[in-house]
Amino acid sequence: MKTYKTRFLEKESDVTIISDSKKAILRARESFFFHRKILEEYISKDKHFLSSFSPIKVKTNFKIINIMANVAEICDVGPMASVAGALADLMLEKMMVKYDNQNSETIPCNIALVENGGEIAIDSKESIKVALYAGENELNLNLGFLIKIKIVP
């Protein structure tokens, strides 16, 4: 199956998206910028959310903020510790392998992979091999993981 890959940098974020659907990649990228803008606006008004090393209780309608606050509570860390993973998960939501016709915001695909700052979110109809890049040494791309379809979302 042919796959497509895009990589982009945006401020502190370094994002790679892989899919068999160019439209799914585009939708994931749009999701990144949408949620990142919300996060940036939120932390400009709530500096404690940005700088806290401990969980913070929040009441908001913003999905990115709620995800980060929930993860912070579970892991007993500040909410910004989860920003890369939260954004990766939200991007993956737009690249649905298990497509639901009810949700017009998702784009169907067979392979969906988002890597954001080392955080990886994967959904696929087939097993995927992921190589580990460990810098310039003998382990580089010689160590990896086989992600089986039964363990993806």
C-alpha atoms as a PDB file:
ATOM      1  CA  MET A   1       0.000   0.000   0.000  1.00  0.00           C
ATOM      2  CA  LYS A   2       1.349   3.427  -0.937  1.00  0.00           C
ATOM      3  CA  THR A   3       1.848   5.792   1.972  1.00  0.00           C
ATOM      4  CA  TYR A   4       2.497   9.507   2.140  1.00  0.00           C
ATOM      5  CA  LYS A   5       4.551  11.378   4.683  1.00  0.00           C
ATOM      6  CA  THR A   6       4.777  15.001   5.679  1.00  0.00           C
ATOM      7  CA  ARG A   7       6.927  16.713   8.269  1.00  0.00           C
ATOM      8  CA  PHE A   8       6.633  20.255   9.533  1.00  0.00           C
ATOM      9  CA  LEU A   9       8.026  22.450  12.273  1.00  0.00           C
ATOM     10  CA  GLU A  10       5.912  24.976  14.144  1.00  0.00           C
ATOM     11  CA  LYS A  11       7.580  26.826  16.999  1.00  0.00           C
ATOM     12  CA  GLU A  12       8.417  24.100  19.583  1.00  0.00           C
ATOM     13  CA  SER A  13       6.651  21.332  17.640  1.00  0.00           C
ATOM     14  CA  ASP A  14       8.302  18.889  15.236  1.00  0.00           C
ATOM     15  CA  VAL A  15       5.548  16.828  13.603  1.00  0.00           C
ATOM     16  CA  THR A  16       5.575  13.877  11.180  1.00  0.00           C
ATOM     17  CA  ILE A  17       2.336  12.479   9.760  1.00  0.00           C
ATOM     18  CA  ILE A  18       2.114   9.256   7.718  1.00  0.00           C
ATOM     19  CA  SER A  19      -0.982   7.857   6.023  1.00  0.00           C
ATOM     20  CA  ASP A  20      -2.235   6.215   2.867  1.00  0.00           C
ATOM     21  CA  SER A  21      -4.529   9.232   2.424  1.00  0.00           C
ATOM     22  CA  LYS A  22      -3.249  12.698   1.523  1.00  0.00           C
ATOM     23  CA  LYS A  23      -6.605  14.134   2.647  1.00  0.00           C
ATOM     24  CA  ALA A  24      -6.230  12.501   6.064  1.00  0.00           C
ATOM     25  CA  ILE A  25      -2.764  14.029   6.424  1.00  0.00           C
ATOM     26  CA  LEU A  26      -4.146  17.451   5.524  1.00  0.00           C
ATOM     27  CA  ARG A  27      -6.994  17.108   8.032  1.00  0.00           C
ATOM     28  CA  ALA A  28      -4.554  16.050  10.776  1.00  0.00           C
ATOM     29  CA  ARG A  29      -2.341  19.038  10.009  1.00  0.00           C
ATOM     30  CA  GLU A  30      -5.351  21.375  10.185  1.00  0.00           C
ATOM     31  CA  SER A  31      -6.258  19.841  13.546  1.00  0.00           C
ATOM     32  CA  PHE A  32      -2.755  20.534  14.844  1.00  0.00           C
ATOM     33  CA  PHE A  33      -2.936  24.235  13.993  1.00  0.00           C
ATOM     34  CA  PHE A  34      -6.491  24.551  15.316  1.00  0.00           C
ATOM     35  CA  HIS A  35      -5.687  23.011  18.709  1.00  0.00           C
ATOM     36  CA  ARG A  36      -2.286  24.658  19.011  1.00  0.00           C
ATOM     37  CA  LYS A  37      -3.884  28.081  18.496  1.00  0.00           C
ATOM     38  CA  ILE A  38      -6.424  27.353  21.235  1.00  0.00           C
ATOM     39  CA  LEU A  39      -3.620  26.224  23.560  1.00  0.00           C
ATOM     40  CA  GLU A  40      -1.510  29.314  22.846  1.00  0.00           C
ATOM     41  CA  GLU A  41      -4.464  31.624  23.503  1.00  0.00           C
ATOM     42  CA  TYR A  42      -5.327  29.751  26.701  1.00  0.00           C
ATOM     43  CA  ILE A  43      -1.810  29.885  28.161  1.00  0.00           C
ATOM     44  CA  SER A  44      -1.510  33.571  27.282  1.00  0.00           C
ATOM     45  CA  LYS A  45      -4.373  34.125  29.755  1.00  0.00           C
ATOM     46  CA  ASP A  46      -3.436  31.417  32.287  1.00  0.00           C
ATOM     47  CA  LYS A  47       0.324  31.447  32.890  1.00  0.00           C
ATOM     48  CA  HIS A  48      -0.069  28.928  35.726  1.00  0.00           C
ATOM     49  CA  PHE A  49      -1.277  26.307  33.207  1.00  0.00           C
ATOM     50  CA  LEU A  50       1.951  26.916  31.271  1.00  0.00           C
ATOM     51  CA  SER A  51       4.388  26.813  34.192  1.00  0.00           C
ATOM     52  CA  SER A  52       2.899  24.422  36.747  1.00  0.00           C
ATOM     53  CA  PHE A  53       4.709  21.187  37.567  1.00  0.00           C
ATOM     54  CA  SER A  54       1.575  19.884  39.287  1.00  0.00           C
ATOM     55  CA  PRO A  55      -1.912  19.060  37.994  1.00  0.00           C
ATOM     56  CA  ILE A  56      -4.340  21.960  37.631  1.00  0.00           C
ATOM     57  CA  LYS A  57      -8.130  21.754  37.801  1.00  0.00           C
ATOM     58  CA  VAL A  58      -9.753  23.513  34.849  1.00  0.00           C
ATOM     59  CA  LYS A  59     -13.267  24.136  33.587  1.00  0.00           C
ATOM     60  CA  THR A  60     -13.248  24.794  29.870  1.00  0.00           C
ATOM     61  CA  ASN A  61     -14.903  23.740  26.642  1.00  0.00           C
ATOM     62  CA  PHE A  62     -11.545  23.344  24.894  1.00  0.00           C
ATOM     63  CA  LYS A  63     -10.747  19.694  24.188  1.00  0.00           C
ATOM     64  CA  ILE A  64      -6.947  20.191  24.114  1.00  0.00           C
ATOM     65  CA  ILE A  65      -6.981  21.877  27.538  1.00  0.00           C
ATOM     66  CA  ASN A  66      -9.233  19.214  29.069  1.00  0.00           C
ATOM     67  CA  ILE A  67      -7.101  16.356  27.722  1.00  0.00           C
ATOM     68  CA  MET A  68      -3.919  17.943  29.057  1.00  0.00           C
ATOM     69  CA  ALA A  69      -5.472  18.624  32.475  1.00  0.00           C
ATOM     70  CA  ASN A  70      -6.812  15.049  32.725  1.00  0.00           C
ATOM     71  CA  VAL A  71      -3.464  13.500  31.786  1.00  0.00           C
ATOM     72  CA  ALA A  72      -1.684  15.793  34.252  1.00  0.00           C
ATOM     73  CA  GLU A  73      -4.007  14.565  37.004  1.00  0.00           C
ATOM     74  CA  ILE A  74      -3.428  10.897  36.142  1.00  0.00           C
ATOM     75  CA  CYS A  75       0.366  11.258  35.944  1.00  0.00           C
ATOM     76  CA  ASP A  76       0.761  13.845  38.731  1.00  0.00           C
ATOM     77  CA  VAL A  77       2.615  16.299  36.488  1.00  0.00           C
ATOM     78  CA  GLY A  78       1.978  19.753  35.085  1.00  0.00           C
ATOM     79  CA  PRO A  79      -0.374  19.924  32.103  1.00  0.00           C
ATOM     80  CA  MET A  80       2.303  21.010  29.627  1.00  0.00           C
ATOM     81  CA  ALA A  81       4.022  17.629  30.101  1.00  0.00           C
ATOM     82  CA  SER A  82       1.270  16.156  27.935  1.00  0.00           C
ATOM     83  CA  VAL A  83       1.115  18.730  25.148  1.00  0.00           C
ATOM     84  CA  ALA A  84       2.901  16.684  22.445  1.00  0.00           C
ATOM     85  CA  GLY A  85       0.887  13.538  23.116  1.00  0.00           C
ATOM     86  CA  ALA A  86      -2.411  15.406  23.368  1.00  0.00           C
ATOM     87  CA  LEU A  87      -1.818  17.115  20.026  1.00  0.00           C
ATOM     88  CA  ALA A  88      -0.781  13.791  18.433  1.00  0.00           C
ATOM     89  CA  ASP A  89      -3.967  12.113  19.698  1.00  0.00           C
ATOM     90  CA  LEU A  90      -6.156  14.956  18.432  1.00  0.00           C
ATOM     91  CA  MET A  91      -4.491  14.802  15.015  1.00  0.00           C
ATOM     92  CA  LEU A  92      -4.993  11.033  14.892  1.00  0.00           C
ATOM     93  CA  GLU A  93      -8.711  11.495  15.617  1.00  0.00           C
ATOM     94  CA  LYS A  94      -9.065  13.188  12.226  1.00  0.00           C
ATOM     95  CA  MET A  95      -7.447  10.226  10.429  1.00  0.00           C
ATOM     96  CA  MET A  96      -9.942   7.526  11.257  1.00  0.00           C
ATOM     97  CA  VAL A  97      -9.135   3.948  10.338  1.00  0.00           C
ATOM     98  CA  LYS A  98     -12.426   2.846  11.875  1.00  0.00           C
ATOM     99  CA  TYR A  99     -14.463   5.346   9.871  1.00  0.00           C
ATOM    100  CA  ASP A 100     -17.790   6.620  11.150  1.00  0.00           C
ATOM    101  CA  ASN A 101     -20.043   8.144   8.484  1.00  0.00           C
ATOM    102  CA  GLN A 102     -21.709  10.201  11.217  1.00  0.00           C
ATOM    103  CA  ASN A 103     -18.586  12.323  11.703  1.00  0.00           C
ATOM    104  CA  SER A 104     -17.922  14.426   8.615  1.00  0.00           C
ATOM    105  CA  GLU A 105     -14.745  15.872  10.159  1.00  0.00           C
ATOM    106  CA  THR A 106     -12.824  12.594   9.924  1.00  0.00           C
ATOM    107  CA  ILE A 107     -11.148  11.285   6.790  1.00  0.00           C
ATOM    108  CA  PRO A 108     -11.096   7.501   6.275  1.00  0.00           C
ATOM    109  CA  CYS A 109      -7.742   5.817   5.816  1.00  0.00           C
ATOM    110  CA  ASN A 110      -6.057   2.457   6.397  1.00  0.00           C
ATOM    111  CA  ILE A 111      -2.876   3.753   8.028  1.00  0.00           C
ATOM    112  CA  ALA A 112      -2.617   6.711  10.397  1.00  0.00           C
ATOM    113  CA  LEU A 113       0.559   7.635  12.258  1.00  0.00           C
ATOM    114  CA  VAL A 114       1.385  10.915  13.979  1.00  0.00           C
ATOM    115  CA  GLU A 115       4.721  11.620  15.676  1.00  0.00           C
ATOM    116  CA  ASN A 116       5.006  14.859  17.604  1.00  0.00           C
ATOM    117  CA  GLY A 117       8.136  15.510  19.604  1.00  0.00           C
ATOM    118  CA  GLY A 118       8.729  11.805  20.214  1.00  0.00           C
ATOM    119  CA  GLU A 119       5.099  11.062  21.104  1.00  0.00           C
ATOM    120  CA  ILE A 120       3.570   8.580  18.656  1.00  0.00           C
ATOM    121  CA  ALA A 121      -0.129   7.956  18.008  1.00  0.00           C
ATOM    122  CA  ILE A 122      -0.976   5.088  15.625  1.00  0.00           C
ATOM    123  CA  ASP A 123      -4.071   3.489  14.159  1.00  0.00           C
ATOM    124  CA  SER A 124      -3.884   0.997  11.303  1.00  0.00           C
ATOM    125  CA  LYS A 125      -5.628  -1.863   9.569  1.00  0.00           C
ATOM    126  CA  GLU A 126      -2.266  -3.625   9.297  1.00  0.00           C
ATOM    127  CA  SER A 127       0.757  -4.084  11.548  1.00  0.00           C
ATOM    128  CA  ILE A 128       3.361  -1.321  11.328  1.00  0.00           C
ATOM    129  CA  LYS A 129       7.113  -1.427  11.898  1.00  0.00           C
ATOM    130  CA  VAL A 130       8.491   1.676  13.596  1.00  0.00           C
ATOM    131  CA  ALA A 131      12.271   2.174  13.577  1.00  0.00           C
ATOM    132  CA  LEU A 132      13.964   3.884  16.496  1.00  0.00           C
ATOM    133  CA  TYR A 133      16.242   6.774  15.628  1.00  0.00           C
ATOM    134  CA  ALA A 134      18.837   7.016  18.386  1.00  0.00           C
ATOM    135  CA  GLY A 135      21.204   9.592  16.934  1.00  0.00           C
ATOM    136  CA  GLU A 136      24.388   8.867  15.053  1.00  0.00           C
ATOM    137  CA  ASN A 137      25.387   5.464  16.432  1.00  0.00           C
ATOM    138  CA  GLU A 138      25.158   1.772  15.575  1.00  0.00           C
ATOM    139  CA  LEU A 139      21.648   1.461  17.041  1.00  0.00           C
ATOM    140  CA  ASN A 140      20.332   4.052  14.629  1.00  0.00           C
ATOM    141  CA  LEU A 141      17.419   2.522  12.689  1.00  0.00           C
ATOM    142  CA  ASN A 142      18.523  -0.995  13.712  1.00  0.00           C
ATOM    143  CA  LEU A 143      16.152  -1.106  16.656  1.00  0.00           C
ATOM    144  CA  GLY A 144      12.411  -0.772  16.367  1.00  0.00           C
ATOM    145  CA  PHE A 145       8.974  -1.948  17.300  1.00  0.00           C
ATOM    146  CA  LEU A 146       6.297  -3.976  15.570  1.00  0.00           C
ATOM    147  CA  ILE A 147       2.944  -2.380  16.328  1.00  0.00           C
ATOM    148  CA  LYS A 148       0.314  -5.075  15.828  1.00  0.00           C
ATOM    149  CA  ILE A 149      -3.194  -4.119  14.799  1.00  0.00           C
ATOM    150  CA  LYS A 150      -4.688  -5.652  17.935  1.00  0.00           C
ATOM    151  CA  ILE A 151      -2.957  -3.060  20.147  1.00  0.00           C
ATOM    152  CA  VAL A 152      -3.825   0.117  18.233  1.00  0.00           C
ATOM    153  CA  PRO A 153      -6.971   2.105  19.101  1.00  0.00           C
END
